[in-house]
Amino acid sequence: MKLEVFSPQEQIPTDEDILSFWRMMSTPGQTRWDYEDNHEFYQKPDHEVIQFFRGKALSRATALSYWARENGQIVGMASIDRFTAPSREHSGELGFGVRKAYQRRGIGYQLVRAALDRAEREGLRRVECSCFAHNRPAVGLLLRAGFREEGQRIGAIQKYGQLFDVREFGLLLRTVAPGG
């Protein structure tokens, strides 16, 4: 089946899409790094997950999200969360991920490009992204998408008693007037 990239804010996802996305985001590899102290959040029953997404997660005005679907399951995501502080509302922060079995196929790049294109259309002027310094595939994707490395924070993240360096990236967008 063909890969489909879509915005869950523009094309209403099915309950199955939401549950597939939730399962992708709650895999041990994902939660181990991002949400190690919040495992009970990922233990919710399916009906609560669907209710949460339909009520809050998909309607966030600050998020520009894209999901990739293949063979009936969500296999990747990219989202730019716009900053709300007046001095930073021209910019946002990119996050992205692809299921391990689907990596190295260009899916992450397609998702990131879709999110960046939408950010440009909506008038954002800058997008930032951080990743672990040892995450070579993420670094390569960001550089391929046009980001420039802006620095490295030494020992910025502590997980399970270990310190990890984080690389910082930024991209200035060619702003297109909203609706234009």
Protein backbone atom coordinates (compact mmCIF):
# COMPACT_ATOMS: atom_id res chain seq x y z
CA MET A 1 0.00 0.00 0.00
CA LYS A 2 1.15 3.53 -0.73
CA LEU A 3 2.37 5.92 1.97
CA GLU A 4 -0.06 8.75 2.72
CA VAL A 5 1.06 11.94 4.48
CA PHE A 6 -1.77 14.00 5.97
CA SER A 7 -2.50 16.62 8.59
CA PRO A 8 -4.70 15.29 11.41
CA GLN A 9 -5.98 18.86 11.88
CA GLU A 10 -7.15 19.04 8.25
CA GLN A 11 -8.19 15.43 7.59
CA ILE A 12 -9.97 14.00 10.60
CA PRO A 13 -8.18 10.80 11.62
CA THR A 14 -10.12 7.63 12.29
CA ASP A 15 -10.20 6.09 15.74
CA GLU A 16 -7.81 3.46 14.37
CA ASP A 17 -5.41 6.21 13.22
CA ILE A 18 -5.44 7.78 16.67
CA LEU A 19 -4.79 4.47 18.41
CA SER A 20 -2.02 3.61 15.94
CA PHE A 21 -0.40 7.01 16.53
CA TRP A 22 -0.72 6.54 20.29
CA ARG A 23 0.90 3.10 20.11
CA MET A 24 3.76 4.52 18.05
CA MET A 25 4.32 7.32 20.54
CA SER A 26 4.14 5.00 23.55
CA THR A 27 6.72 2.45 22.38
CA PRO A 28 9.56 1.90 24.86
CA GLY A 29 12.09 3.60 22.57
CA GLN A 30 10.01 6.77 22.47
CA THR A 31 8.87 6.92 26.08
CA ARG A 32 12.28 5.96 27.37
CA TRP A 33 13.71 9.24 26.16
CA ASP A 34 10.82 11.64 26.34
CA TYR A 35 8.42 10.55 29.04
CA GLU A 36 10.23 8.23 31.44
CA ASP A 37 8.45 9.67 34.50
CA ASN A 38 4.99 9.58 32.97
CA HIS A 39 4.38 5.93 32.06
CA GLU A 40 0.92 5.88 33.63
CA PHE A 41 -0.14 8.46 31.03
CA TYR A 42 0.46 5.82 28.36
CA GLN A 43 -1.57 3.17 30.20
CA LYS A 44 -4.93 4.76 29.34
CA PRO A 45 -7.69 2.58 27.85
CA ASP A 46 -8.45 3.07 24.15
CA HIS A 47 -11.65 5.08 24.67
CA GLU A 48 -9.80 7.59 26.88
CA VAL A 49 -7.02 7.93 24.31
CA ILE A 50 -9.54 8.67 21.55
CA GLN A 51 -11.44 11.12 23.77
CA PHE A 52 -8.19 12.91 24.69
CA PHE A 53 -7.14 13.31 21.06
CA ARG A 54 -10.53 14.38 19.80
CA GLY A 55 -10.96 16.84 22.68
CA LYS A 56 -7.56 18.46 23.06
CA ALA A 57 -4.58 17.14 21.14
CA LEU A 58 -5.90 17.56 17.59
CA SER A 59 -7.46 20.97 18.21
CA ARG A 60 -4.34 22.73 19.53
CA ALA A 61 -4.10 25.98 17.64
CA THR A 62 -0.32 26.08 18.06
CA ALA A 63 0.42 22.74 16.36
CA LEU A 64 1.08 22.13 12.68
CA SER A 65 1.09 18.34 12.55
CA TYR A 66 1.53 15.70 9.87
CA TRP A 67 1.19 11.95 10.14
CA ALA A 68 2.26 9.20 7.72
CA ARG A 69 -0.02 6.21 7.20
CA GLU A 70 0.93 2.97 5.48
CA ASN A 71 -0.92 -0.33 5.50
CA GLY A 72 -3.52 1.06 7.89
CA GLN A 73 -1.10 2.17 10.59
CA ILE A 74 0.55 5.44 11.50
CA VAL A 75 4.27 5.02 10.85
CA GLY A 76 5.60 8.53 11.47
CA MET A 77 4.85 12.07 12.54
CA ALA A 78 6.21 15.60 12.39
CA SER A 79 4.84 18.60 14.20
CA ILE A 80 5.81 22.22 14.57
CA ASP A 81 4.56 23.78 17.78
CA ARG A 82 4.34 27.55 17.46
CA PHE A 83 5.72 29.56 20.34
CA THR A 84 3.16 31.82 22.01
CA ALA A 85 5.38 34.44 23.70
CA PRO A 86 5.06 37.71 21.74
CA SER A 87 8.80 37.90 21.09
CA ARG A 88 8.84 34.35 19.67
CA GLU A 89 5.44 33.92 17.99
CA HIS A 90 7.13 34.18 14.57
CA SER A 91 8.75 30.80 15.23
CA GLY A 92 8.14 27.26 16.36
CA GLU A 93 9.80 24.03 17.41
CA LEU A 94 9.92 20.92 15.24
CA GLY A 95 9.56 17.40 16.59
CA PHE A 96 9.48 14.26 14.44
CA GLY A 97 9.72 10.51 14.60
CA VAL A 98 9.29 7.40 12.47
CA ARG A 99 8.64 3.83 13.59
CA LYS A 100 11.89 1.87 13.59
CA ALA A 101 10.73 -0.58 10.89
CA TYR A 102 9.98 2.36 8.55
CA GLN A 103 13.15 4.40 9.03
CA ARG A 104 15.65 5.09 6.27
CA ARG A 105 12.92 5.31 3.60
CA GLY A 106 12.56 9.10 3.40
CA ILE A 107 9.34 9.17 5.42
CA GLY A 108 10.78 11.49 8.08
CA TYR A 109 11.96 13.89 5.40
CA GLN A 110 8.53 13.93 3.70
CA LEU A 111 6.85 14.66 7.03
CA VAL A 112 9.30 17.40 7.99
CA ARG A 113 8.97 19.04 4.56
CA ALA A 114 5.17 18.97 4.79
CA ALA A 115 5.28 20.64 8.22
CA LEU A 116 7.82 23.25 7.04
CA ASP A 117 5.79 24.05 3.91
CA ARG A 118 2.70 24.61 6.05
CA ALA A 119 4.67 26.74 8.52
CA GLU A 120 5.74 28.95 5.61
CA ARG A 121 2.16 29.24 4.36
CA GLU A 122 1.01 30.21 7.85
CA GLY A 123 3.61 32.96 8.13
CA LEU A 124 6.19 31.45 10.47
CA ARG A 125 9.64 32.84 9.88
CA ARG A 126 11.83 30.45 11.89
CA VAL A 127 11.77 26.81 13.00
CA GLU A 128 14.05 25.31 15.64
CA CYS A 129 14.86 21.70 16.43
CA SER A 130 16.99 19.89 19.00
CA CYS A 131 18.22 16.32 18.84
CA PHE A 132 20.65 14.10 20.67
CA ALA A 133 24.18 14.64 19.39
CA HIS A 134 24.60 10.90 18.76
CA ASN A 135 21.44 10.68 16.59
CA ARG A 136 23.15 10.80 13.19
CA PRO A 137 20.01 10.01 11.13
CA ALA A 138 18.13 12.95 12.71
CA VAL A 139 21.10 15.27 12.18
CA GLY A 140 21.31 14.19 8.53
CA LEU A 141 17.59 14.73 7.99
CA LEU A 142 17.71 18.22 9.50
CA LEU A 143 20.69 19.24 7.38
CA ARG A 144 19.03 17.81 4.24
CA ALA A 145 15.87 19.81 5.04
CA GLY A 146 17.93 23.03 5.11
CA PHE A 147 18.52 23.50 8.84
CA ARG A 148 21.80 24.96 10.05
CA GLU A 149 23.51 23.80 13.19
CA GLU A 150 23.52 26.58 15.78
CA GLY A 151 25.38 24.91 18.61
CA GLN A 152 25.62 22.08 21.05
CA ARG A 153 24.57 21.89 24.69
CA ILE A 154 26.94 19.62 26.58
CA GLY A 155 25.26 17.26 29.07
CA ALA A 156 21.91 18.99 28.49
CA ILE A 157 19.70 15.94 29.06
CA GLN A 158 19.97 13.49 31.93
CA LYS A 159 18.25 10.14 31.53
CA TYR A 160 18.77 7.11 33.74
CA GLY A 161 21.80 8.67 35.38
CA GLN A 162 23.56 9.45 32.10
CA LEU A 163 24.21 12.88 30.56
CA PHE A 164 23.59 13.39 26.84
CA ASP A 165 24.69 16.22 24.58
CA VAL A 166 22.08 17.96 22.43
CA ARG A 167 22.64 19.61 19.05
CA GLU A 168 20.60 22.71 18.22
CA PHE A 169 19.38 23.53 14.71
CA GLY A 170 17.52 26.46 13.16
CA LEU A 171 15.96 27.32 9.82
CA LEU A 172 14.79 30.68 8.54
CA LEU A 173 11.77 30.26 6.29
CA ARG A 174 10.80 32.13 3.16
CA THR A 175 7.62 33.50 4.56
CA VAL A 176 4.51 33.34 2.44
CA ALA A 177 1.62 35.53 3.55
CA PRO A 178 -1.14 33.43 5.15
CA GLY A 179 -3.67 32.46 2.50
CA GLY A 180 -1.33 33.63 -0.27
